Amino acid sequence: EAYPGVFNLDYLLDGEGGLLLTDAPMMEQK
Protein backbone atom coordinates (compact mmCIF):
# COMPACT_ATOMS: atom_id res chain seq x y z
CA GLU A 1 0.00 0.00 0.00
CA ALA A 2 2.84 2.40 0.84
CA TYR A 3 4.58 1.64 -2.48
CA PRO A 4 1.71 0.93 -4.89
CA GLY A 5 2.58 -0.82 -8.12
CA VAL A 6 6.05 -1.81 -6.94
CA PHE A 7 6.03 -5.00 -4.87
CA ASN A 8 4.36 -8.34 -5.57
CA LEU A 9 2.24 -9.21 -2.52
CA ASP A 10 2.14 -12.92 -3.44
CA TYR A 11 5.92 -12.98 -3.38
CA LEU A 12 6.11 -11.14 -0.07
CA LEU A 13 3.59 -13.46 1.59
CA ASP A 14 4.42 -16.83 0.04
CA GLY A 15 7.55 -16.45 -2.09
CA GLU A 16 5.57 -16.92 -5.33
CA GLY A 17 6.82 -14.99 -8.35
CA GLY A 18 9.31 -12.16 -8.08
CA LEU A 19 9.84 -9.26 -5.72
CA LEU A 20 8.63 -6.60 -8.15
CA LEU A 21 5.32 -6.44 -9.98
CA THR A 22 6.88 -5.48 -13.30
CA ASP A 23 10.21 -5.31 -15.04
CA ALA A 24 9.71 -1.57 -15.49
CA PRO A 25 12.68 0.69 -14.78
CA MET A 26 13.28 1.37 -11.12
CA MET A 27 11.17 4.20 -9.80
CA GLU A 28 13.16 7.08 -8.42
CA GLN A 29 10.48 8.59 -6.25
CA LYS A 30 10.90 8.94 -2.56
PDB file of all heavy atoms in Angstrom:
ATOM      1  N   GLU A   1       0.832  -1.215   0.000  1.00  0.00           N
ATOM      2  CA  GLU A   1       0.000   0.000   0.000  1.00  0.00           C
ATOM      3  C   GLU A   1       0.860   1.257   0.000  1.00  0.00           C
ATOM      4  O   GLU A   1       0.541   2.241  -0.663  1.00  0.00           O
ATOM      5  CB  GLU A   1      -0.924   0.008   1.219  1.00  0.00           C
ATOM      6  CG  GLU A   1      -2.018  -1.026   1.155  1.00  0.00           C
ATOM      7  CD  GLU A   1      -2.791  -1.171   2.465  1.00  0.00           C
ATOM      8  OE1 GLU A   1      -2.420  -0.518   3.478  1.00  0.00           O
ATOM      9  OE2 GLU A   1      -3.756  -1.948   2.486  1.00  0.00           O
ATOM     10  N   ALA A   2       1.963   1.231   0.739  1.00  0.00           N
ATOM     11  CA  ALA A   2       2.837   2.401   0.839  1.00  0.00           C
ATOM     12  C   ALA A   2       3.611   2.631  -0.463  1.00  0.00           C
ATOM     13  O   ALA A   2       3.967   3.765  -0.771  1.00  0.00           O
ATOM     14  CB  ALA A   2       3.816   2.246   2.006  1.00  0.00           C
ATOM     15  N   TYR A   3       3.840   1.562  -1.211  1.00  0.00           N
ATOM     16  CA  TYR A   3       4.582   1.641  -2.483  1.00  0.00           C
ATOM     17  C   TYR A   3       3.750   0.954  -3.568  1.00  0.00           C
ATOM     18  O   TYR A   3       4.118  -0.112  -4.057  1.00  0.00           O
ATOM     19  CB  TYR A   3       5.972   0.990  -2.334  1.00  0.00           C
ATOM     20  CG  TYR A   3       6.797   1.665  -1.277  1.00  0.00           C
ATOM     21  CD1 TYR A   3       6.789   1.225   0.042  1.00  0.00           C
ATOM     22  CD2 TYR A   3       7.564   2.781  -1.588  1.00  0.00           C
ATOM     23  CE1 TYR A   3       7.522   1.872   1.026  1.00  0.00           C
ATOM     24  CE2 TYR A   3       8.314   3.433  -0.617  1.00  0.00           C
ATOM     25  CZ  TYR A   3       8.281   2.971   0.683  1.00  0.00           C
ATOM     26  OH  TYR A   3       9.015   3.615   1.651  1.00  0.00           O
ATOM     27  N   PRO A   4       2.622   1.580  -3.941  1.00  0.00           N
ATOM     28  CA  PRO A   4       1.707   0.930  -4.894  1.00  0.00           C
ATOM     29  C   PRO A   4       2.371   0.685  -6.251  1.00  0.00           C
ATOM     30  O   PRO A   4       3.124   1.516  -6.740  1.00  0.00           O
ATOM     31  CB  PRO A   4       0.553   1.921  -5.006  1.00  0.00           C
ATOM     32  CG  PRO A   4       1.084   3.224  -4.519  1.00  0.00           C
ATOM     33  CD  PRO A   4       2.180   2.907  -3.560  1.00  0.00           C
ATOM     34  N   GLY A   5       2.071  -0.480  -6.801  1.00  0.00           N
ATOM     35  CA  GLY A   5       2.577  -0.818  -8.121  1.00  0.00           C
ATOM     36  C   GLY A   5       4.024  -1.262  -8.145  1.00  0.00           C
ATOM     37  O   GLY A   5       4.600  -1.450  -9.217  1.00  0.00           O
ATOM     38  N   VAL A   6       4.631  -1.447  -6.982  1.00  0.00           N
ATOM     39  CA  VAL A   6       6.049  -1.807  -6.941  1.00  0.00           C
ATOM     40  C   VAL A   6       6.240  -3.275  -6.561  1.00  0.00           C
ATOM     41  O   VAL A   6       6.841  -4.040  -7.300  1.00  0.00           O
ATOM     42  CB  VAL A   6       6.834  -0.896  -5.963  1.00  0.00           C
ATOM     43  CG1 VAL A   6       8.294  -1.312  -5.877  1.00  0.00           C
ATOM     44  CG2 VAL A   6       6.716   0.558  -6.380  1.00  0.00           C
ATOM     45  N   PHE A   7       5.732  -3.663  -5.399  1.00  0.00           N
ATOM     46  CA  PHE A   7       6.029  -4.996  -4.873  1.00  0.00           C
ATOM     47  C   PHE A   7       4.894  -5.987  -5.132  1.00  0.00           C
ATOM     48  O   PHE A   7       3.718  -5.641  -5.116  1.00  0.00           O
ATOM     49  CB  PHE A   7       6.322  -4.922  -3.369  1.00  0.00           C
ATOM     50  CG  PHE A   7       7.531  -4.096  -3.050  1.00  0.00           C
ATOM     51  CD1 PHE A   7       7.413  -2.843  -2.467  1.00  0.00           C
ATOM     52  CD2 PHE A   7       8.799  -4.561  -3.354  1.00  0.00           C
ATOM     53  CE1 PHE A   7       8.532  -2.075  -2.189  1.00  0.00           C
ATOM     54  CE2 PHE A   7       9.929  -3.796  -3.077  1.00  0.00           C
ATOM     55  CZ  PHE A   7       9.789  -2.555  -2.500  1.00  0.00           C
ATOM     56  N   ASN A   8       5.280  -7.243  -5.321  1.00  0.00           N
ATOM     57  CA  ASN A   8       4.365  -8.344  -5.567  1.00  0.00           C
ATOM     58  C   ASN A   8       3.958  -8.938  -4.217  1.00  0.00           C
ATOM     59  O   ASN A   8       4.772  -9.582  -3.553  1.00  0.00           O
ATOM     60  CB  ASN A   8       5.074  -9.378  -6.450  1.00  0.00           C
ATOM     61  CG  ASN A   8       4.249 -10.607  -6.708  1.00  0.00           C
ATOM     62  OD1 ASN A   8       3.162 -10.773  -6.184  1.00  0.00           O
ATOM     63  ND2 ASN A   8       4.793 -11.497  -7.524  1.00  0.00           N
ATOM     64  N   LEU A   9       2.713  -8.733  -3.820  1.00  0.00           N
ATOM     65  CA  LEU A   9       2.238  -9.209  -2.521  1.00  0.00           C
ATOM     66  C   LEU A   9       2.324 -10.730  -2.417  1.00  0.00           C
ATOM     67  O   LEU A   9       2.679 -11.258  -1.362  1.00  0.00           O
ATOM     68  CB  LEU A   9       0.808  -8.730  -2.246  1.00  0.00           C
ATOM     69  CG  LEU A   9       0.233  -9.100  -0.882  1.00  0.00           C
ATOM     70  CD1 LEU A   9       1.094  -8.540   0.251  1.00  0.00           C
ATOM     71  CD2 LEU A   9      -1.201  -8.613  -0.758  1.00  0.00           C
ATOM     72  N   ASP A  10       2.039 -11.452  -3.486  1.00  0.00           N
ATOM     73  CA  ASP A  10       2.140 -12.919  -3.443  1.00  0.00           C
ATOM     74  C   ASP A  10       3.567 -13.356  -3.112  1.00  0.00           C
ATOM     75  O   ASP A  10       3.780 -14.298  -2.353  1.00  0.00           O
ATOM     76  CB  ASP A  10       1.718 -13.535  -4.785  1.00  0.00           C
ATOM     77  CG  ASP A  10       0.230 -13.373  -5.043  1.00  0.00           C
ATOM     78  OD1 ASP A  10      -0.536 -13.295  -4.062  1.00  0.00           O
ATOM     79  OD2 ASP A  10      -0.160 -13.321  -6.229  1.00  0.00           O
ATOM     80  N   TYR A  11       4.529 -12.647  -3.678  1.00  0.00           N
ATOM     81  CA  TYR A  11       5.924 -12.979  -3.377  1.00  0.00           C
ATOM     82  C   TYR A  11       6.244 -12.669  -1.916  1.00  0.00           C
ATOM     83  O   TYR A  11       6.875 -13.474  -1.224  1.00  0.00           O
ATOM     84  CB  TYR A  11       6.878 -12.201  -4.288  1.00  0.00           C
ATOM     85  CG  TYR A  11       8.327 -12.455  -3.951  1.00  0.00           C
ATOM     86  CD1 TYR A  11       8.953 -13.636  -4.326  1.00  0.00           C
ATOM     87  CD2 TYR A  11       9.069 -11.523  -3.228  1.00  0.00           C
ATOM     88  CE1 TYR A  11      10.284 -13.895  -3.996  1.00  0.00           C
ATOM     89  CE2 TYR A  11      10.396 -11.766  -2.902  1.00  0.00           C
ATOM     90  CZ  TYR A  11      10.993 -12.950  -3.282  1.00  0.00           C
ATOM     91  OH  TYR A  11      12.301 -13.203  -2.943  1.00  0.00           O
ATOM     92  N   LEU A  12       5.804 -11.516  -1.447  1.00  0.00           N
ATOM     93  CA  LEU A  12       6.109 -11.141  -0.066  1.00  0.00           C
ATOM     94  C   LEU A  12       5.500 -12.119   0.930  1.00  0.00           C
ATOM     95  O   LEU A  12       6.135 -12.484   1.923  1.00  0.00           O
ATOM     96  CB  LEU A  12       5.636  -9.717   0.216  1.00  0.00           C
ATOM     97  CG  LEU A  12       6.285  -8.612  -0.613  1.00  0.00           C
ATOM     98  CD1 LEU A  12       5.721  -7.259  -0.220  1.00  0.00           C
ATOM     99  CD2 LEU A  12       7.792  -8.629  -0.493  1.00  0.00           C
ATOM    100  N   LEU A  13       4.276 -12.564   0.663  1.00  0.00           N
ATOM    101  CA  LEU A  13       3.590 -13.461   1.592  1.00  0.00           C
ATOM    102  C   LEU A  13       4.063 -14.905   1.481  1.00  0.00           C
ATOM    103  O   LEU A  13       4.270 -15.577   2.494  1.00  0.00           O
ATOM    104  CB  LEU A  13       2.081 -13.391   1.368  1.00  0.00           C
ATOM    105  CG  LEU A  13       1.420 -12.047   1.668  1.00  0.00           C
ATOM    106  CD1 LEU A  13      -0.053 -12.095   1.297  1.00  0.00           C
ATOM    107  CD2 LEU A  13       1.599 -11.642   3.116  1.00  0.00           C
ATOM    108  N   ASP A  14       4.202 -15.394   0.243  1.00  0.00           N
ATOM    109  CA  ASP A  14       4.424 -16.825   0.040  1.00  0.00           C
ATOM    110  C   ASP A  14       5.654 -17.177  -0.781  1.00  0.00           C
ATOM    111  O   ASP A  14       5.915 -18.348  -1.030  1.00  0.00           O
ATOM    112  CB  ASP A  14       3.197 -17.439  -0.653  1.00  0.00           C
ATOM    113  CG  ASP A  14       1.918 -17.172   0.123  1.00  0.00           C
ATOM    114  OD1 ASP A  14       1.932 -17.350   1.361  1.00  0.00           O
ATOM    115  OD2 ASP A  14       0.911 -16.782  -0.487  1.00  0.00           O
ATOM    116  N   GLY A  15       6.386 -16.167  -1.283  1.00  0.00           N
ATOM    117  CA  GLY A  15       7.553 -16.452  -2.094  1.00  0.00           C
ATOM    118  C   GLY A  15       7.227 -16.822  -3.530  1.00  0.00           C
ATOM    119  O   GLY A  15       8.073 -17.344  -4.248  1.00  0.00           O
ATOM    120  N   GLU A  16       5.989 -16.574  -3.964  1.00  0.00           N
ATOM    121  CA  GLU A  16       5.566 -16.920  -5.329  1.00  0.00           C
ATOM    122  C   GLU A  16       5.818 -15.761  -6.279  1.00  0.00           C
ATOM    123  O   GLU A  16       5.371 -14.643  -6.035  1.00  0.00           O
ATOM    124  CB  GLU A  16       4.074 -17.269  -5.347  1.00  0.00           C
ATOM    125  CG  GLU A  16       3.743 -18.498  -4.530  1.00  0.00           C
ATOM    126  CD  GLU A  16       2.251 -18.767  -4.467  1.00  0.00           C
ATOM    127  OE1 GLU A  16       1.483 -18.172  -5.258  1.00  0.00           O
ATOM    128  OE2 GLU A  16       1.853 -19.573  -3.615  1.00  0.00           O
ATOM    129  N   GLY A  17       6.541 -16.032  -7.377  1.00  0.00           N
ATOM    130  CA  GLY A  17       6.824 -14.990  -8.351  1.00  0.00           C
ATOM    131  C   GLY A  17       8.100 -14.249  -7.988  1.00  0.00           C
ATOM    132  O   GLY A  17       9.010 -14.811  -7.380  1.00  0.00           O
ATOM    133  N   GLY A  18       8.140 -12.985  -8.354  1.00  0.00           N
ATOM    134  CA  GLY A  18       9.309 -12.163  -8.084  1.00  0.00           C
ATOM    135  C   GLY A  18       8.982 -11.022  -7.147  1.00  0.00           C
ATOM    136  O   GLY A  18       7.810 -10.719  -6.890  1.00  0.00           O
ATOM    137  N   LEU A  19       9.996 -10.360  -6.665  1.00  0.00           N
ATOM    138  CA  LEU A  19       9.836  -9.259  -5.722  1.00  0.00           C
ATOM    139  C   LEU A  19       8.993  -8.126  -6.296  1.00  0.00           C
ATOM    140  O   LEU A  19       8.102  -7.601  -5.630  1.00  0.00           O
ATOM    141  CB  LEU A  19      11.207  -8.718  -5.309  1.00  0.00           C
ATOM    142  CG  LEU A  19      11.223  -7.484  -4.409  1.00  0.00           C
ATOM    143  CD1 LEU A  19      10.621  -7.799  -3.049  1.00  0.00           C
ATOM    144  CD2 LEU A  19      12.643  -6.951  -4.252  1.00  0.00           C
ATOM    145  N   LEU A  20       9.280  -7.762  -7.551  1.00  0.00           N
ATOM    146  CA  LEU A  20       8.625  -6.602  -8.152  1.00  0.00           C
ATOM    147  C   LEU A  20       7.454  -7.030  -9.030  1.00  0.00           C
ATOM    148  O   LEU A  20       7.462  -8.119  -9.604  1.00  0.00           O
ATOM    149  CB  LEU A  20       9.633  -5.798  -8.969  1.00  0.00           C
ATOM    150  CG  LEU A  20      10.874  -5.335  -8.202  1.00  0.00           C
ATOM    151  CD1 LEU A  20      11.832  -4.617  -9.136  1.00  0.00           C
ATOM    152  CD2 LEU A  20      10.498  -4.455  -7.029  1.00  0.00           C
ATOM    153  N   LEU A  21       6.484  -6.141  -9.150  1.00  0.00           N
ATOM    154  CA  LEU A  21       5.325  -6.436  -9.982  1.00  0.00           C
ATOM    155  C   LEU A  21       5.666  -6.451 -11.464  1.00  0.00           C
ATOM    156  O   LEU A  21       5.123  -7.240 -12.215  1.00  0.00           O
ATOM    157  CB  LEU A  21       4.207  -5.415  -9.738  1.00  0.00           C
ATOM    158  CG  LEU A  21       3.422  -5.609  -8.453  1.00  0.00           C
ATOM    159  CD1 LEU A  21       2.408  -4.491  -8.284  1.00  0.00           C
ATOM    160  CD2 LEU A  21       2.705  -6.956  -8.455  1.00  0.00           C
ATOM    161  N   THR A  22       6.556  -5.570 -11.887  1.00  0.00           N
ATOM    162  CA  THR A  22       6.880  -5.479 -13.302  1.00  0.00           C
ATOM    163  C   THR A  22       8.385  -5.399 -13.474  1.00  0.00           C
ATOM    164  O   THR A  22       9.131  -5.230 -12.517  1.00  0.00           O
ATOM    165  CB  THR A  22       6.262  -4.210 -13.933  1.00  0.00           C
ATOM    166  OG1 THR A  22       6.877  -3.065 -13.346  1.00  0.00           O
ATOM    167  CG2 THR A  22       4.769  -4.146 -13.733  1.00  0.00           C
ATOM    168  N   ASP A  23       8.798  -5.497 -14.717  1.00  0.00           N
ATOM    169  CA  ASP A  23      10.215  -5.310 -15.039  1.00  0.00           C
ATOM    170  C   ASP A  23      10.478  -3.885 -15.473  1.00  0.00           C
ATOM    171  O   ASP A  23      11.470  -3.595 -16.121  1.00  0.00           O
ATOM    172  CB  ASP A  23      10.632  -6.266 -16.162  1.00  0.00           C
ATOM    173  CG  ASP A  23      10.608  -7.703 -15.696  1.00  0.00           C
ATOM    174  OD1 ASP A  23      10.843  -7.928 -14.497  1.00  0.00           O
ATOM    175  OD2 ASP A  23      10.350  -8.597 -16.518  1.00  0.00           O
ATOM    176  N   ALA A  24       9.563  -2.982 -15.121  1.00  0.00           N
ATOM    177  CA  ALA A  24       9.710  -1.573 -15.492  1.00  0.00           C
ATOM    178  C   ALA A  24      10.962  -1.014 -14.834  1.00  0.00           C
ATOM    179  O   ALA A  24      11.447  -1.541 -13.838  1.00  0.00           O
ATOM    180  CB  ALA A  24       8.483  -0.785 -15.041  1.00  0.00           C
ATOM    181  N   PRO A  25      11.501   0.062 -15.402  1.00  0.00           N
ATOM    182  CA  PRO A  25      12.675   0.692 -14.784  1.00  0.00           C
ATOM    183  C   PRO A  25      12.380   1.040 -13.329  1.00  0.00           C
ATOM    184  O   PRO A  25      11.237   1.302 -12.960  1.00  0.00           O
ATOM    185  CB  PRO A  25      12.884   1.960 -15.609  1.00  0.00           C
ATOM    186  CG  PRO A  25      12.136   1.742 -16.867  1.00  0.00           C
ATOM    187  CD  PRO A  25      11.041   0.771 -16.568  1.00  0.00           C
ATOM    188  N   MET A  26      13.423   1.051 -12.540  1.00  0.00           N
ATOM    189  CA  MET A  26      13.284   1.375 -11.124  1.00  0.00           C
ATOM    190  C   MET A  26      12.719   2.776 -10.960  1.00  0.00           C
ATOM    191  O   MET A  26      13.147   3.696 -11.640  1.00  0.00           O
ATOM    192  CB  MET A  26      14.637   1.305 -10.411  1.00  0.00           C
ATOM    193  CG  MET A  26      15.286  -0.032 -10.497  1.00  0.00           C
ATOM    194  SD  MET A  26      14.272  -1.268  -9.733  1.00  0.00           S
ATOM    195  CE  MET A  26      15.220  -2.717 -10.089  1.00  0.00           C
ATOM    196  N   MET A  27      11.764   2.895 -10.071  1.00  0.00           N
ATOM    197  CA  MET A  27      11.174   4.202  -9.804  1.00  0.00           C
ATOM    198  C   MET A  27      12.151   4.984  -8.950  1.00  0.00           C
ATOM    199  O   MET A  27      12.801   4.433  -8.075  1.00  0.00           O
ATOM    200  CB  MET A  27       9.840   4.044  -9.092  1.00  0.00           C
ATOM    201  CG  MET A  27       8.824   3.285  -9.923  1.00  0.00           C
ATOM    202  SD  MET A  27       7.313   2.977  -9.026  1.00  0.00           S
ATOM    203  CE  MET A  27       6.648   4.611  -8.926  1.00  0.00           C
ATOM    204  N   GLU A  28      12.232   6.262  -9.186  1.00  0.00           N
ATOM    205  CA  GLU A  28      13.164   7.084  -8.416  1.00  0.00           C
ATOM    206  C   GLU A  28      12.437   8.046  -7.502  1.00  0.00           C
ATOM    207  O   GLU A  28      12.969   9.064  -7.131  1.00  0.00           O
ATOM    208  CB  GLU A  28      14.086   7.838  -9.372  1.00  0.00           C
ATOM    209  CG  GLU A  28      15.015   6.894 -10.107  1.00  0.00           C
ATOM    210  CD  GLU A  28      16.024   7.619 -10.948  1.00  0.00           C
ATOM    211  OE1 GLU A  28      16.160   8.847 -10.806  1.00  0.00           O
ATOM    212  OE2 GLU A  28      16.678   6.958 -11.758  1.00  0.00           O
ATOM    213  N   GLN A  29      11.211   7.719  -7.159  1.00  0.00           N
ATOM    214  CA  GLN A  29      10.480   8.588  -6.253  1.00  0.00           C
ATOM    215  C   GLN A  29      10.864   8.243  -4.829  1.00  0.00           C
ATOM    216  O   GLN A  29      11.347   7.167  -4.549  1.00  0.00           O
ATOM    217  CB  GLN A  29       8.980   8.436  -6.440  1.00  0.00           C
ATOM    218  CG  GLN A  29       8.433   7.117  -5.895  1.00  0.00           C
ATOM    219  CD  GLN A  29       6.976   6.935  -6.184  1.00  0.00           C
ATOM    220  OE1 GLN A  29       6.548   7.060  -7.299  1.00  0.00           O
ATOM    221  NE2 GLN A  29       6.226   6.625  -5.167  1.00  0.00           N
ATOM    222  N   LYS A  30      10.640   9.168  -3.968  1.00  0.00           N
ATOM    223  CA  LYS A  30      10.900   8.936  -2.558  1.00  0.00           C
ATOM    224  C   LYS A  30       9.559   8.918  -1.841  1.00  0.00           C
ATOM    225  O   LYS A  30       8.662   9.678  -2.197  1.00  0.00           O
ATOM    226  CB  LYS A  30      11.787  10.031  -1.976  1.00  0.00           C
ATOM    227  CG  LYS A  30      13.178  10.008  -2.561  1.00  0.00           C
ATOM    228  CD  LYS A  30      14.052  11.033  -1.914  1.00  0.00           C
ATOM    229  CE  LYS A  30      15.431  10.974  -2.530  1.00  0.00           C
ATOM    230  NZ  LYS A  30      16.328  11.938  -1.972  1.00  0.00           N
TER     231      LYS A  30
END
